[in-house]
Amino acid sequence: MVNRNYKFEKRQKDLAKQKKKEEKMQRKMTRKQSDDQDGQPDNDPGDDSDEQAPADKDEES
């Protein structure tokens, strides 16, 4: 009967987990970069809302 090599199995499992984690991180970085490029024009309407906020504060005083 053949003995199982648990260290080898564990090492292979750990390498698979690490590879999967790295791939996931790479996908997140790619998504973040594409969101940053797409998000730049969307920031302009947000600047308009900041200008309205001080006007609201003046009305409350």
N, C-alpha and C. Protein backbone atom coordinates (compact mmCIF):
# COMPACT_ATOMS: atom_id res chain seq x y z
N MET A 1 0.84 -1.17 0.00
CA MET A 1 0.00 0.00 0.00
C MET A 1 0.90 1.25 0.00
N VAL A 2 0.47 2.26 -0.75
CA VAL A 2 1.27 3.47 -0.90
C VAL A 2 0.88 4.48 0.18
N ASN A 3 1.88 5.05 0.81
CA ASN A 3 1.63 6.09 1.81
C ASN A 3 1.36 7.41 1.10
N ARG A 4 0.46 8.18 1.68
CA ARG A 4 0.14 9.50 1.11
C ARG A 4 1.18 10.50 1.54
N ASN A 5 1.52 11.39 0.64
CA ASN A 5 2.47 12.44 0.92
C ASN A 5 1.68 13.71 1.26
N TYR A 6 1.35 13.85 2.53
CA TYR A 6 0.49 14.95 2.96
C TYR A 6 1.17 16.31 2.77
N LYS A 7 2.47 16.38 2.96
CA LYS A 7 3.18 17.65 2.77
C LYS A 7 3.07 18.12 1.32
N PHE A 8 3.23 17.19 0.40
CA PHE A 8 3.11 17.55 -1.01
C PHE A 8 1.70 18.02 -1.33
N GLU A 9 0.70 17.30 -0.84
CA GLU A 9 -0.68 17.68 -1.08
C GLU A 9 -0.99 19.07 -0.51
N LYS A 10 -0.51 19.31 0.72
CA LYS A 10 -0.74 20.60 1.35
C LYS A 10 -0.05 21.71 0.56
N ARG A 11 1.16 21.46 0.12
CA ARG A 11 1.90 22.46 -0.66
C ARG A 11 1.17 22.77 -1.96
N GLN A 12 0.67 21.76 -2.63
CA GLN A 12 -0.07 21.97 -3.88
C GLN A 12 -1.35 22.76 -3.63
N LYS A 13 -2.02 22.45 -2.53
CA LYS A 13 -3.24 23.15 -2.17
C LYS A 13 -2.95 24.62 -1.86
N ASP A 14 -1.87 24.86 -1.11
CA ASP A 14 -1.48 26.23 -0.77
C ASP A 14 -1.09 27.02 -2.03
N LEU A 15 -0.38 26.39 -2.95
CA LEU A 15 -0.01 27.07 -4.19
C LEU A 15 -1.24 27.42 -5.01
N ALA A 16 -2.22 26.53 -5.04
CA ALA A 16 -3.46 26.79 -5.77
C ALA A 16 -4.22 27.96 -5.14
N LYS A 17 -4.27 28.00 -3.81
CA LYS A 17 -4.94 29.10 -3.11
C LYS A 17 -4.24 30.41 -3.39
N GLN A 18 -2.91 30.41 -3.36
CA GLN A 18 -2.14 31.63 -3.59
C GLN A 18 -2.34 32.12 -5.03
N LYS A 19 -2.34 31.21 -5.98
CA LYS A 19 -2.55 31.58 -7.39
C LYS A 19 -3.93 32.18 -7.57
N LYS A 20 -4.93 31.58 -6.97
CA LYS A 20 -6.29 32.08 -7.08
C LYS A 20 -6.41 33.47 -6.45
N LYS A 21 -5.74 33.66 -5.32
CA LYS A 21 -5.76 34.96 -4.64
C LYS A 21 -5.10 36.03 -5.49
N GLU A 22 -3.97 35.71 -6.11
CA GLU A 22 -3.28 36.65 -6.97
C GLU A 22 -4.12 37.01 -8.20
N GLU A 23 -4.79 36.03 -8.79
CA GLU A 23 -5.65 36.29 -9.93
C GLU A 23 -6.81 37.20 -9.54
N LYS A 24 -7.36 36.98 -8.37
CA LYS A 24 -8.46 37.82 -7.89
C LYS A 24 -7.98 39.25 -7.67
N MET A 25 -6.79 39.41 -7.07
CA MET A 25 -6.25 40.73 -6.85
C MET A 25 -5.99 41.44 -8.19
N GLN A 26 -5.50 40.69 -9.17
CA GLN A 26 -5.24 41.27 -10.49
C GLN A 26 -6.54 41.74 -11.14
N ARG A 27 -7.60 40.94 -10.99
CA ARG A 27 -8.90 41.34 -11.55
C ARG A 27 -9.41 42.61 -10.87
N LYS A 28 -9.23 42.71 -9.56
CA LYS A 28 -9.66 43.91 -8.83
C LYS A 28 -8.88 45.13 -9.28
N MET A 29 -7.57 44.98 -9.47
CA MET A 29 -6.75 46.11 -9.91
C MET A 29 -7.16 46.55 -11.32
N THR A 30 -7.44 45.59 -12.18
CA THR A 30 -7.86 45.92 -13.54
C THR A 30 -9.20 46.64 -13.51
N ARG A 31 -10.12 46.15 -12.69
CA ARG A 31 -11.43 46.78 -12.56
C ARG A 31 -11.30 48.19 -11.99
N LYS A 32 -10.44 48.35 -10.99
CA LYS A 32 -10.25 49.65 -10.36
C LYS A 32 -9.68 50.65 -11.36
N GLN A 33 -8.72 50.22 -12.16
CA GLN A 33 -8.12 51.10 -13.15
C GLN A 33 -9.15 51.51 -14.19
N SER A 34 -9.99 50.60 -14.63
CA SER A 34 -11.00 50.94 -15.62
C SER A 34 -12.06 51.85 -15.01
N ASP A 35 -12.39 51.65 -13.73
CA ASP A 35 -13.35 52.53 -13.06
C ASP A 35 -12.78 53.93 -12.90
N ASP A 36 -11.48 54.02 -12.59
CA ASP A 36 -10.84 55.33 -12.44
C ASP A 36 -10.87 56.09 -13.76
N GLN A 37 -10.63 55.42 -14.85
CA GLN A 37 -10.66 56.07 -16.15
C GLN A 37 -12.07 56.49 -16.51
N ASP A 38 -13.04 55.66 -16.23
CA ASP A 38 -14.43 55.99 -16.53
C ASP A 38 -14.99 56.99 -15.54
N GLY A 39 -14.49 57.00 -14.33
CA GLY A 39 -15.03 57.85 -13.27
C GLY A 39 -14.64 59.30 -13.36
N GLN A 40 -13.63 59.65 -14.12
CA GLN A 40 -13.18 61.03 -14.17
C GLN A 40 -14.26 61.97 -14.66
N PRO A 41 -14.98 61.70 -15.76
CA PRO A 41 -16.03 62.62 -16.18
C PRO A 41 -17.19 62.68 -15.19
N ASP A 42 -17.42 61.62 -14.44
CA ASP A 42 -18.52 61.59 -13.48
C ASP A 42 -18.26 62.50 -12.28
N ASN A 43 -17.03 62.87 -12.03
CA ASN A 43 -16.70 63.71 -10.88
C ASN A 43 -17.19 65.14 -11.07
N ASP A 44 -17.36 65.60 -12.30
CA ASP A 44 -17.78 66.98 -12.55
C ASP A 44 -19.16 67.28 -11.94
N PRO A 45 -20.18 66.44 -12.10
CA PRO A 45 -21.46 66.73 -11.46
C PRO A 45 -21.34 66.74 -9.94
N GLY A 46 -20.44 65.98 -9.37
CA GLY A 46 -20.25 65.97 -7.92
C GLY A 46 -19.71 67.30 -7.43
N ASP A 47 -18.92 67.97 -8.26
CA ASP A 47 -18.39 69.28 -7.88
C ASP A 47 -19.52 70.31 -7.79
N ASP A 48 -20.52 70.21 -8.64
CA ASP A 48 -21.65 71.14 -8.60
C ASP A 48 -22.42 71.00 -7.29
N SER A 49 -22.56 69.77 -6.80
CA SER A 49 -23.31 69.57 -5.56
C SER A 49 -22.57 70.18 -4.38
N ASP A 50 -21.24 70.22 -4.43
CA ASP A 50 -20.46 70.83 -3.35
C ASP A 50 -20.73 72.34 -3.31
N GLU A 51 -20.95 72.95 -4.46
CA GLU A 51 -21.21 74.38 -4.49
C GLU A 51 -22.58 74.69 -3.90
N GLN A 52 -23.52 73.78 -3.99
CA GLN A 52 -24.87 74.00 -3.46
C GLN A 52 -24.89 73.86 -1.95
N ALA A 53 -24.01 73.06 -1.39
CA ALA A 53 -24.01 72.80 0.05
C ALA A 53 -23.80 74.07 0.86
N PRO A 54 -22.84 74.95 0.55
CA PRO A 54 -22.69 76.17 1.35
C PRO A 54 -23.93 77.06 1.27
N ALA A 55 -24.63 77.08 0.15
CA ALA A 55 -25.84 77.90 0.03
C ALA A 55 -26.89 77.40 1.00
N ASP A 56 -27.00 76.11 1.19
CA ASP A 56 -27.96 75.55 2.14
C ASP A 56 -27.59 75.95 3.57
N LYS A 57 -26.32 75.99 3.89
CA LYS A 57 -25.88 76.36 5.23
C LYS A 57 -26.21 77.83 5.52
N ASP A 58 -26.12 78.69 4.50
CA ASP A 58 -26.42 80.10 4.69
C ASP A 58 -27.90 80.30 4.98
N GLU A 59 -28.73 79.49 4.37
CA GLU A 59 -30.17 79.61 4.58
C GLU A 59 -30.56 79.21 6.00
N GLU A 60 -29.83 78.25 6.59
CA GLU A 60 -30.14 77.79 7.93
C GLU A 60 -29.75 78.83 8.97
N SER A 61 -28.77 79.63 8.73
CA SER A 61 -28.28 80.57 9.73
C SER A 61 -29.17 81.75 9.94
